[in-house]
Amino acid sequence: MSELDALVARLTALETVTRQLMTHLAVRADDPRRWVATRKTLALAALEAEPRAEIERVRHAIDGFFDPLETVATAYAQTGSGGTSPSRGR
């Protein structure tokens, strides 16, 4: 495995773990969809300080990261059980 392949594998693993953690936190929020939307807005706002041309690629990557989370949060919120988990906050 080349150094680039190893780096790609590590980044993929990090993205997977981060997505699972964020989903876990979102479904425990009072408003899961809004919680995810706020985190996405904060991530995109951090890009505003960077005037580089690559920003559009990063913005696209952020959208790709958060879109599945928004879908999960929306589905969870529609079940009517958002924020009512007895294990909330644990």
C-alpha atoms as a PDB file:
ATOM      1  CA  MET A   1       0.000   0.000   0.000  1.00  0.00           C
ATOM      2  CA  SER A   2       1.437   3.358  -1.029  1.00  0.00           C
ATOM      3  CA  GLU A   3       1.623   6.303   1.336  1.00  0.00           C
ATOM      4  CA  LEU A   4      -1.208   7.997  -0.571  1.00  0.00           C
ATOM      5  CA  ASP A   5      -3.409   4.889  -0.324  1.00  0.00           C
ATOM      6  CA  ALA A   6      -2.739   4.691   3.407  1.00  0.00           C
ATOM      7  CA  LEU A   7      -3.661   8.361   3.817  1.00  0.00           C
ATOM      8  CA  VAL A   8      -6.879   7.921   1.828  1.00  0.00           C
ATOM      9  CA  ALA A   9      -7.812   4.900   3.949  1.00  0.00           C
ATOM     10  CA  ARG A  10      -7.187   6.808   7.176  1.00  0.00           C
ATOM     11  CA  LEU A  11      -9.248   9.782   5.980  1.00  0.00           C
ATOM     12  CA  THR A  12     -12.087   7.472   4.975  1.00  0.00           C
ATOM     13  CA  ALA A  13     -12.042   5.868   8.412  1.00  0.00           C
ATOM     14  CA  LEU A  14     -11.973   9.284  10.091  1.00  0.00           C
ATOM     15  CA  GLU A  15     -14.915  10.493   8.000  1.00  0.00           C
ATOM     16  CA  THR A  16     -16.896   7.364   8.856  1.00  0.00           C
ATOM     17  CA  VAL A  17     -16.282   7.690  12.585  1.00  0.00           C
ATOM     18  CA  THR A  18     -17.034  11.421  12.527  1.00  0.00           C
ATOM     19  CA  ARG A  19     -20.270  10.877  10.595  1.00  0.00           C
ATOM     20  CA  GLN A  20     -21.384   8.210  13.074  1.00  0.00           C
ATOM     21  CA  LEU A  21     -20.555  10.453  16.033  1.00  0.00           C
ATOM     22  CA  MET A  22     -22.415  13.399  14.550  1.00  0.00           C
ATOM     23  CA  THR A  23     -25.436  11.219  13.759  1.00  0.00           C
ATOM     24  CA  HIS A  24     -25.367   9.924  17.336  1.00  0.00           C
ATOM     25  CA  LEU A  25     -25.314  13.489  18.683  1.00  0.00           C
ATOM     26  CA  ALA A  26     -27.967  14.737  16.245  1.00  0.00           C
ATOM     27  CA  VAL A  27     -30.555  12.110  17.133  1.00  0.00           C
ATOM     28  CA  ARG A  28     -30.206  13.066  20.788  1.00  0.00           C
ATOM     29  CA  ALA A  29     -30.901  16.741  20.119  1.00  0.00           C
ATOM     30  CA  ASP A  30     -34.325  18.315  20.614  1.00  0.00           C
ATOM     31  CA  ASP A  31     -34.425  19.163  16.883  1.00  0.00           C
ATOM     32  CA  PRO A  32     -32.098  16.745  15.024  1.00  0.00           C
ATOM     33  CA  ARG A  33     -32.515  18.329  11.591  1.00  0.00           C
ATOM     34  CA  ARG A  34     -31.783  21.823  12.901  1.00  0.00           C
ATOM     35  CA  TRP A  35     -28.790  20.513  14.889  1.00  0.00           C
ATOM     36  CA  VAL A  36     -27.245  19.089  11.706  1.00  0.00           C
ATOM     37  CA  ALA A  37     -28.060  22.211   9.688  1.00  0.00           C
ATOM     38  CA  THR A  38     -26.350  24.381  12.303  1.00  0.00           C
ATOM     39  CA  ARG A  39     -23.173  22.255  12.203  1.00  0.00           C
ATOM     40  CA  LYS A  40     -23.153  22.439   8.398  1.00  0.00           C
ATOM     41  CA  THR A  41     -23.580  26.233   8.512  1.00  0.00           C
ATOM     42  CA  LEU A  42     -20.692  26.528  10.967  1.00  0.00           C
ATOM     43  CA  ALA A  43     -18.450  24.375   8.766  1.00  0.00           C
ATOM     44  CA  LEU A  44     -19.279  26.422   5.672  1.00  0.00           C
ATOM     45  CA  ALA A  45     -18.793  29.698   7.557  1.00  0.00           C
ATOM     46  CA  ALA A  46     -15.270  28.619   8.476  1.00  0.00           C
ATOM     47  CA  LEU A  47     -14.461  28.575   4.764  1.00  0.00           C
ATOM     48  CA  GLU A  48     -15.267  32.251   4.331  1.00  0.00           C
ATOM     49  CA  ALA A  49     -11.902  33.160   5.843  1.00  0.00           C
ATOM     50  CA  GLU A  50     -10.114  31.203   3.105  1.00  0.00           C
ATOM     51  CA  PRO A  51      -9.930  33.109  -0.211  1.00  0.00           C
ATOM     52  CA  ARG A  52      -8.435  30.207  -2.197  1.00  0.00           C
ATOM     53  CA  ALA A  53      -9.858  28.715  -5.395  1.00  0.00           C
ATOM     54  CA  GLU A  54     -10.043  25.236  -3.803  1.00  0.00           C
ATOM     55  CA  ILE A  55     -12.783  26.459  -1.493  1.00  0.00           C
ATOM     56  CA  GLU A  56     -15.505  25.324  -3.909  1.00  0.00           C
ATOM     57  CA  ARG A  57     -14.149  21.759  -3.785  1.00  0.00           C
ATOM     58  CA  VAL A  58     -14.118  21.877   0.015  1.00  0.00           C
ATOM     59  CA  ARG A  59     -17.642  23.340   0.079  1.00  0.00           C
ATOM     60  CA  HIS A  60     -18.805  20.451  -2.132  1.00  0.00           C
ATOM     61  CA  ALA A  61     -17.106  17.961   0.213  1.00  0.00           C
ATOM     62  CA  ILE A  62     -18.836  19.525   3.218  1.00  0.00           C
ATOM     63  CA  ASP A  63     -22.199  19.283   1.450  1.00  0.00           C
ATOM     64  CA  GLY A  64     -21.475  15.631   0.642  1.00  0.00           C
ATOM     65  CA  PHE A  65     -20.589  14.945   4.256  1.00  0.00           C
ATOM     66  CA  PHE A  66     -23.662  16.577   5.778  1.00  0.00           C
ATOM     67  CA  ASP A  67     -26.340  15.539   3.253  1.00  0.00           C
ATOM     68  CA  PRO A  68     -26.625  11.952   4.596  1.00  0.00           C
ATOM     69  CA  LEU A  69     -26.702  13.305   8.162  1.00  0.00           C
ATOM     70  CA  GLU A  70     -29.567  15.621   7.253  1.00  0.00           C
ATOM     71  CA  THR A  71     -31.453  12.668   5.783  1.00  0.00           C
ATOM     72  CA  VAL A  72     -31.001  10.602   8.952  1.00  0.00           C
ATOM     73  CA  ALA A  73     -31.932  13.509  11.211  1.00  0.00           C
ATOM     74  CA  THR A  74     -35.035  14.238   9.144  1.00  0.00           C
ATOM     75  CA  ALA A  75     -36.137  10.600   9.231  1.00  0.00           C
ATOM     76  CA  TYR A  76     -35.543  10.443  12.973  1.00  0.00           C
ATOM     77  CA  ALA A  77     -37.454  13.661  13.601  1.00  0.00           C
ATOM     78  CA  GLN A  78     -40.421  12.346  11.588  1.00  0.00           C
ATOM     79  CA  THR A  79     -40.742   9.348  13.913  1.00  0.00           C
ATOM     80  CA  GLY A  80     -41.865  11.767  16.605  1.00  0.00           C
ATOM     81  CA  SER A  81     -39.275  10.534  19.086  1.00  0.00           C
ATOM     82  CA  GLY A  82     -36.712  13.301  18.687  1.00  0.00           C
ATOM     83  CA  GLY A  83     -35.125  14.237  21.988  1.00  0.00           C
ATOM     84  CA  THR A  84     -37.217  11.844  24.060  1.00  0.00           C
ATOM     85  CA  SER A  85     -34.697   9.048  24.413  1.00  0.00           C
ATOM     86  CA  PRO A  86     -34.336   7.893  28.034  1.00  0.00           C
ATOM     87  CA  SER A  87     -30.586   7.664  27.454  1.00  0.00           C
ATOM     88  CA  ARG A  88     -30.363  11.230  26.159  1.00  0.00           C
ATOM     89  CA  GLY A  89     -27.220  12.992  27.262  1.00  0.00           C
ATOM     90  CA  ARG A  90     -25.358   9.821  28.158  1.00  0.00           C
END
